Amino acid sequence: MRKFLKNTIAIIGIFILYSTLLSNTAQPGIWNAGGSGSFQLLYPEDSIAYKKIQMQSESIHIQLYKGFAVVKGVYNFLNTTNTPLTIKVGYPINTVFPSKNYQSHLNQVVFDDLYKIKGSIHQQEIPLLKLPLNNNNWYVWEITFPPKQLINFTVHFIVNTNNAQILQGYNKEYKNGFIYLIETGSIWKSPIENGDFYAQLKDDINLADIKGIAPSQLYFNPSNKTLHFKLANYGVQPDDNFILIYNRKIDDFNFEEIIAKSNYLFQEIDAFSTEKTTIGYTEISLKNPYKVKGVGNFIIDGIYYFMFYGIPLVIGLILFLILYKILKRRRKSDY
């Protein structure tokens, strides 16, 4: 009997200790994903241009590789005023934002950097400004927007996607993650009239390897392994973002080798962006990128069910056995 009690108390103690160690689960969502922040105004002194420059359209091309992604964004801006406006615009290096469709989840886009980033106006590269000491989270250009004229701004960069973590309760997966933040239009004159978004799967990445969500219906062309969606008259209110989770984390990933061949990778995405394939796309849906496999949640649920229901039952059983043994001894003493 004493041995039984000792073993029972030890088991209960282990469950309580284990549940205490795992009691603080992290915020569910996608963390440390590579991607792109929204292209926007930066400095307060440029507020004179607020809602006066319209981003008429954006065309985004992404090539996903195992461990990294290459991005090319082409933006057309219109200065709707009768005077030229010179402002500073830029990309944030990292940010945290909630999911529109999965509001209990957060996403953290930490690009450790936008590698080899370059910006061009009408195909002429312009210099990046030095970052101010109190705002080192941005890559910044200064652009003059002539009155009533369209400005074509193109940006290229590479991001490391190999460090993403997807958390759901006590389950965690280490994957490749890419997030493109859709411009809300909050600082540009709304709406953005047209948006085309393409993501091509490289390095033998298959559609079956992909989880993701998009702000509109997603299509896939198997001939060139390209995902595509369109937006129209958007940016008036926050739109959901383009999230792609794919393949497992690569151990000992040598990102320096990737950066060394940036010129070749930019040539590849330039060629991809000029392809005009409009046929062969079929409507698809992707699996939930926030869903994580694992037994962690099952184990914790089991621990808590045991603590709330199992422990009282075990204690009741122990008390019953103690009472039974006392009554049994009394009966023997009566004889």
Protein backbone atom coordinates (compact mmCIF):
# COMPACT_ATOMS: atom_id res chain seq x y z
CA MET A 1 0.00 0.00 0.00
CA ARG A 2 2.79 2.43 0.92
CA LYS A 3 4.60 1.66 -2.33
CA PHE A 4 1.41 2.33 -4.30
CA LEU A 5 0.96 5.70 -2.54
CA LYS A 6 4.56 6.71 -3.19
CA ASN A 7 4.31 5.82 -6.87
CA THR A 8 1.02 7.69 -7.24
CA ILE A 9 2.35 10.83 -5.57
CA ALA A 10 5.48 10.69 -7.75
CA ILE A 11 3.42 10.40 -10.96
CA ILE A 12 1.20 13.33 -9.96
CA GLY A 13 4.28 15.42 -9.11
CA ILE A 14 5.87 14.70 -12.47
CA PHE A 15 2.69 15.76 -14.30
CA ILE A 16 2.48 19.01 -12.30
CA LEU A 17 6.17 19.81 -12.85
CA TYR A 18 5.98 19.04 -16.59
CA SER A 19 2.88 21.16 -17.07
CA THR A 20 4.53 24.04 -15.18
CA LEU A 21 7.58 23.94 -17.43
CA LEU A 22 5.35 24.14 -20.52
CA SER A 23 2.80 26.57 -19.13
CA ASN A 24 3.80 29.61 -21.22
CA THR A 25 3.01 28.91 -24.87
CA ALA A 26 4.16 31.51 -27.42
CA GLN A 27 1.88 33.72 -29.51
CA PRO A 28 0.59 31.57 -32.40
CA GLY A 29 1.55 32.61 -35.90
CA ILE A 30 4.46 32.81 -38.31
CA TRP A 31 7.71 34.28 -37.01
CA ASN A 32 11.01 35.27 -38.62
CA ALA A 33 9.69 34.88 -42.16
CA GLY A 34 11.48 36.53 -45.06
CA GLY A 35 9.47 38.89 -47.21
CA SER A 36 8.72 42.47 -48.01
CA GLY A 37 7.22 45.37 -46.13
CA SER A 38 4.94 47.84 -47.84
CA PHE A 39 6.51 50.61 -49.93
CA GLN A 40 5.59 53.87 -48.24
CA LEU A 41 6.28 57.43 -47.13
CA LEU A 42 8.75 57.74 -44.29
CA TYR A 43 9.51 61.21 -42.95
CA PRO A 44 7.08 63.61 -41.21
CA GLU A 45 8.39 66.56 -43.20
CA ASP A 46 7.07 64.87 -46.34
CA SER A 47 3.50 64.87 -45.04
CA ILE A 48 2.73 67.59 -47.59
CA ALA A 49 2.45 64.73 -50.10
CA TYR A 50 0.00 62.75 -47.96
CA LYS A 51 -2.84 61.41 -50.15
CA LYS A 52 -1.60 63.40 -53.16
CA ILE A 53 0.41 60.66 -54.86
CA GLN A 54 -1.50 57.66 -56.12
CA MET A 55 0.06 54.25 -56.47
CA GLN A 56 -1.89 53.41 -59.61
CA SER A 57 -0.59 49.86 -59.98
CA GLU A 58 1.94 47.37 -58.69
CA SER A 59 3.33 44.26 -60.35
CA ILE A 60 5.15 41.89 -58.00
CA HIS A 61 7.22 38.92 -59.15
CA ILE A 62 8.67 36.44 -56.66
CA GLN A 63 10.87 33.42 -57.28
CA LEU A 64 10.92 30.98 -54.38
CA TYR A 65 14.03 28.88 -53.85
CA LYS A 66 14.91 26.52 -51.03
CA GLY A 67 16.23 28.87 -48.36
CA PHE A 68 15.60 32.22 -50.04
CA ALA A 69 13.42 34.26 -52.37
CA VAL A 70 14.10 36.86 -55.05
CA VAL A 71 11.63 39.75 -55.39
CA LYS A 72 11.02 42.30 -58.12
CA GLY A 73 8.43 44.99 -57.57
CA VAL A 74 7.29 47.45 -60.23
CA TYR A 75 5.19 50.40 -59.04
CA ASN A 76 3.51 53.12 -61.08
CA PHE A 77 2.87 56.39 -59.25
CA LEU A 78 0.89 59.44 -60.31
CA ASN A 79 1.32 62.88 -58.77
CA THR A 80 -2.25 64.16 -58.86
CA THR A 81 -1.26 67.77 -58.05
CA ASN A 82 -0.08 70.60 -60.30
CA THR A 83 3.25 70.98 -58.50
CA PRO A 84 6.27 68.67 -58.24
CA LEU A 85 6.61 66.74 -54.98
CA THR A 86 9.97 65.52 -53.67
CA ILE A 87 9.67 62.99 -50.86
CA LYS A 88 11.52 60.11 -49.22
CA VAL A 89 10.04 56.66 -49.64
CA GLY A 90 11.25 53.29 -48.50
CA TYR A 91 10.89 49.70 -47.35
CA PRO A 92 10.92 48.64 -43.70
CA ILE A 93 13.35 45.83 -42.91
CA ASN A 94 11.07 44.12 -40.40
CA THR A 95 7.61 44.44 -38.95
CA VAL A 96 4.91 42.61 -37.01
CA PHE A 97 1.30 42.49 -38.15
CA PRO A 98 -1.90 40.56 -37.37
CA SER A 99 -3.56 38.24 -39.82
CA LYS A 100 -6.88 39.48 -41.17
CA ASN A 101 -8.44 36.03 -41.63
CA TYR A 102 -6.73 34.44 -38.60
CA GLN A 103 -7.03 37.23 -36.06
CA SER A 104 -5.65 35.21 -33.14
CA HIS A 105 -2.36 34.85 -35.03
CA LEU A 106 0.51 37.29 -35.51
CA ASN A 107 3.13 37.31 -38.21
CA GLN A 108 6.61 38.67 -37.77
CA VAL A 109 8.49 39.53 -40.95
CA VAL A 110 12.16 39.76 -40.03
CA PHE A 111 14.17 39.83 -43.21
CA ASP A 112 17.45 40.05 -41.34
CA ASP A 113 18.03 42.25 -44.38
CA LEU A 114 16.77 43.06 -47.86
CA TYR A 115 19.93 41.83 -49.52
CA LYS A 116 21.40 43.53 -52.59
CA ILE A 117 18.42 45.89 -52.72
CA LYS A 118 18.40 48.38 -55.59
CA GLY A 119 15.84 50.84 -56.87
CA SER A 120 15.37 52.30 -60.36
CA ILE A 121 13.24 55.01 -61.92
CA HIS A 122 12.37 54.27 -65.53
CA GLN A 123 15.15 51.63 -65.50
CA GLN A 124 17.80 54.08 -64.26
CA GLU A 125 19.21 53.02 -60.86
CA ILE A 126 19.07 55.69 -58.15
CA PRO A 127 21.18 55.78 -54.96
CA LEU A 128 19.94 54.71 -51.56
CA LEU A 129 20.08 57.35 -48.86
CA LYS A 130 22.09 56.73 -45.71
CA LEU A 131 19.81 55.66 -42.91
CA PRO A 132 19.33 58.10 -40.03
CA LEU A 133 20.77 56.91 -36.72
CA ASN A 134 17.36 56.92 -35.03
CA ASN A 135 15.62 55.01 -37.81
CA ASN A 136 17.74 52.11 -38.97
CA ASN A 137 14.81 49.91 -39.92
CA TRP A 138 14.45 51.32 -43.45
CA TYR A 139 15.93 51.42 -46.92
CA VAL A 140 15.18 54.88 -48.27
CA TRP A 141 15.22 56.71 -51.61
CA GLU A 142 14.40 60.32 -52.39
CA ILE A 143 12.12 60.68 -55.43
CA THR A 144 10.73 63.70 -57.23
CA PHE A 145 7.25 63.17 -58.66
CA PRO A 146 6.53 65.60 -61.53
CA PRO A 147 3.00 67.05 -61.66
CA LYS A 148 0.36 64.99 -63.45
CA GLN A 149 2.96 62.45 -64.61
CA LEU A 150 3.49 58.74 -64.06
CA ILE A 151 6.68 57.58 -62.35
CA ASN A 152 7.78 53.98 -62.80
CA PHE A 153 9.78 52.72 -59.81
CA THR A 154 11.35 49.22 -59.81
CA VAL A 155 13.02 47.48 -56.90
CA HIS A 156 14.99 44.21 -56.69
CA PHE A 157 16.12 42.38 -53.55
CA ILE A 158 16.77 38.95 -52.02
CA VAL A 159 15.49 37.67 -48.67
CA ASN A 160 16.46 34.73 -46.50
CA THR A 161 13.37 32.54 -45.97
CA ASN A 162 15.16 29.74 -44.10
CA ASN A 163 14.50 30.93 -40.53
CA ALA A 164 10.71 30.85 -40.28
CA GLN A 165 8.97 29.31 -37.29
CA ILE A 166 5.28 28.42 -37.26
CA LEU A 167 3.80 28.22 -33.77
CA GLN A 168 0.44 26.74 -32.82
CA GLY A 169 0.05 26.18 -29.11
CA TYR A 170 2.93 23.91 -28.02
CA ASN A 171 3.60 22.68 -31.55
CA LYS A 172 6.36 24.26 -33.61
CA GLU A 173 7.68 23.73 -37.12
CA TYR A 174 10.84 25.12 -38.73
CA LYS A 175 10.10 25.90 -42.36
CA ASN A 176 10.85 28.28 -45.19
CA GLY A 177 8.48 31.24 -44.94
CA PHE A 178 7.79 34.17 -47.26
CA ILE A 179 5.33 37.00 -46.58
CA TYR A 180 4.54 39.88 -48.92
CA LEU A 181 2.71 42.70 -47.15
CA ILE A 182 -0.04 44.07 -49.35
CA GLU A 183 -0.01 47.88 -49.41
CA THR A 184 -2.91 49.28 -47.38
CA GLY A 185 -3.01 52.51 -49.33
CA SER A 186 -3.17 54.46 -46.08
CA ILE A 187 -0.50 56.95 -47.14
CA TRP A 188 -1.03 56.92 -50.92
CA LYS A 189 -4.04 58.41 -52.63
CA SER A 190 -6.52 55.53 -52.86
CA PRO A 191 -7.30 53.27 -54.54
CA ILE A 192 -4.55 51.18 -56.07
CA GLU A 193 -6.24 50.40 -59.35
CA ASN A 194 -4.47 47.18 -60.34
CA GLY A 195 -2.18 44.66 -58.69
CA ASP A 196 -0.66 41.53 -60.24
CA PHE A 197 1.25 39.09 -58.03
CA TYR A 198 3.25 36.12 -59.32
CA ALA A 199 5.28 33.56 -57.37
CA GLN A 200 7.29 30.96 -59.28
CA LEU A 201 8.42 27.74 -57.59
CA LYS A 202 12.10 26.98 -58.24
CA ASP A 203 14.58 24.34 -56.97
CA ASP A 204 12.12 21.47 -57.59
CA ILE A 205 9.67 22.94 -55.07
CA ASN A 206 6.26 21.41 -55.77
CA LEU A 207 2.77 22.75 -55.21
CA ALA A 208 2.24 19.92 -52.70
CA ASP A 209 5.04 21.48 -50.60
CA ILE A 210 3.22 24.81 -50.29
CA LYS A 211 0.87 26.14 -47.63
CA GLY A 212 -0.44 29.65 -47.93
CA ILE A 213 -3.10 32.32 -48.15
CA ALA A 214 -3.69 35.22 -50.54
CA PRO A 215 -6.03 38.23 -50.41
CA SER A 216 -7.94 37.04 -53.49
CA GLN A 217 -8.52 33.83 -55.42
CA LEU A 218 -5.26 32.05 -56.17
CA TYR A 219 -4.41 30.37 -59.50
CA PHE A 220 -1.63 28.02 -60.57
CA ASN A 221 0.04 27.32 -63.90
CA PRO A 222 1.75 23.89 -63.79
CA SER A 223 3.73 24.51 -66.99
CA ASN A 224 5.87 27.24 -65.40
CA LYS A 225 5.01 26.39 -61.77
CA THR A 226 3.65 29.86 -61.07
CA LEU A 227 1.09 31.05 -58.52
CA HIS A 228 -0.91 34.13 -59.47
CA PHE A 229 -3.58 36.40 -58.03
CA LYS A 230 -4.98 39.80 -58.99
CA LEU A 231 -6.34 42.75 -57.03
CA ALA A 232 -8.37 45.71 -58.28
CA ASN A 233 -9.30 49.01 -56.64
CA TYR A 234 -7.78 47.99 -53.32
CA GLY A 235 -5.82 49.66 -50.56
CA VAL A 236 -8.80 51.58 -49.21
CA GLN A 237 -8.74 49.33 -46.15
CA PRO A 238 -6.18 46.76 -44.96
CA ASP A 239 -6.04 43.69 -47.17
CA ASP A 240 -4.84 40.25 -46.14
CA ASN A 241 -1.25 39.49 -47.08
CA PHE A 242 0.38 36.92 -49.33
CA ILE A 243 1.86 34.16 -47.15
CA LEU A 244 3.72 31.10 -48.42
CA ILE A 245 5.17 28.36 -46.21
CA TYR A 246 7.25 25.69 -47.94
CA ASN A 247 9.89 23.02 -47.36
CA ARG A 248 11.77 22.37 -44.16
CA LYS A 249 14.58 24.52 -42.78
CA ILE A 250 17.93 23.76 -44.40
CA ASP A 251 20.66 23.06 -41.87
CA ASP A 252 24.02 24.72 -42.51
CA PHE A 253 22.47 26.92 -45.21
CA ASN A 254 25.17 29.02 -46.90
CA PHE A 255 23.36 32.24 -47.71
CA GLU A 256 26.60 34.03 -48.61
CA GLU A 257 26.89 31.85 -51.72
CA ILE A 258 23.39 32.99 -52.74
CA ILE A 259 24.22 36.68 -52.32
CA ALA A 260 27.38 36.25 -54.39
CA LYS A 261 25.29 35.37 -57.45
CA SER A 262 22.74 38.18 -57.07
CA ASN A 263 23.34 39.52 -60.59
CA TYR A 264 22.41 36.16 -62.09
CA LEU A 265 19.33 35.87 -59.84
CA PHE A 266 18.15 39.36 -60.82
CA GLN A 267 18.57 38.45 -64.50
CA GLU A 268 16.46 35.36 -63.87
CA ILE A 269 13.62 37.31 -62.28
CA ASP A 270 13.78 39.99 -64.98
CA ALA A 271 13.27 37.27 -67.58
CA PHE A 272 10.43 35.77 -65.53
CA SER A 273 8.71 39.17 -65.20
CA THR A 274 8.64 39.62 -68.98
CA GLU A 275 6.82 36.34 -69.60
CA LYS A 276 3.29 37.07 -70.73
CA THR A 277 1.72 33.66 -70.19
CA THR A 278 -1.97 34.22 -69.42
CA ILE A 279 -3.31 30.77 -70.26
CA GLY A 280 -2.99 27.50 -68.37
CA TYR A 281 -3.92 28.88 -64.94
CA THR A 282 -6.42 26.92 -62.87
CA GLU A 283 -8.08 27.91 -59.62
CA ILE A 284 -6.52 26.33 -56.53
CA SER A 285 -6.66 26.51 -52.75
CA LEU A 286 -3.73 25.98 -50.39
CA LYS A 287 -3.54 24.43 -46.95
CA ASN A 288 -3.69 26.64 -43.87
CA PRO A 289 -0.14 28.00 -43.27
CA TYR A 290 -0.82 28.37 -39.53
CA LYS A 291 -1.59 24.67 -39.06
CA VAL A 292 1.27 22.82 -37.37
CA LYS A 293 1.77 19.09 -37.01
CA GLY A 294 2.89 17.66 -33.71
CA VAL A 295 1.84 15.97 -30.49
CA GLY A 296 2.71 18.84 -28.15
CA ASN A 297 -0.85 20.16 -27.91
CA PHE A 298 -2.21 16.62 -27.48
CA ILE A 299 0.23 15.94 -24.63
CA ILE A 300 -0.54 19.23 -22.86
CA ASP A 301 -4.29 18.68 -23.28
CA GLY A 302 -3.82 15.23 -21.76
CA ILE A 303 -1.87 16.68 -18.82
CA TYR A 304 -4.52 19.29 -18.06
CA TYR A 305 -7.38 16.82 -18.41
CA PHE A 306 -5.51 14.55 -16.02
CA MET A 307 -4.93 17.42 -13.56
CA PHE A 308 -8.57 18.52 -13.58
CA TYR A 309 -10.23 15.12 -13.77
CA GLY A 310 -7.62 12.41 -13.26
CA ILE A 311 -6.01 13.71 -10.05
CA PRO A 312 -9.34 14.02 -8.16
CA LEU A 313 -10.22 10.48 -9.29
CA VAL A 314 -6.82 9.16 -8.17
CA ILE A 315 -7.11 10.94 -4.80
CA GLY A 316 -10.61 9.56 -4.40
CA LEU A 317 -9.34 6.08 -5.18
CA ILE A 318 -6.51 6.47 -2.63
CA LEU A 319 -8.97 7.64 0.06
CA PHE A 320 -11.26 4.74 -0.75
CA LEU A 321 -8.38 2.27 -0.42
CA ILE A 322 -7.26 3.83 2.88
CA LEU A 323 -10.82 3.70 4.25
CA TYR A 324 -11.22 0.13 3.03
CA LYS A 325 -7.98 -0.88 4.76
CA ILE A 326 -9.05 0.79 8.05
CA LEU A 327 -12.43 -0.94 7.98
CA LYS A 328 -10.77 -4.24 7.20
CA ARG A 329 -8.45 -3.88 10.23
CA ARG A 330 -11.38 -3.04 12.50
CA ARG A 331 -13.24 -6.12 11.40
CA LYS A 332 -10.21 -8.27 12.17
CA SER A 333 -9.88 -6.68 15.62
CA ASP A 334 -13.56 -7.44 16.37
CA TYR A 335 -12.79 -11.11 16.04
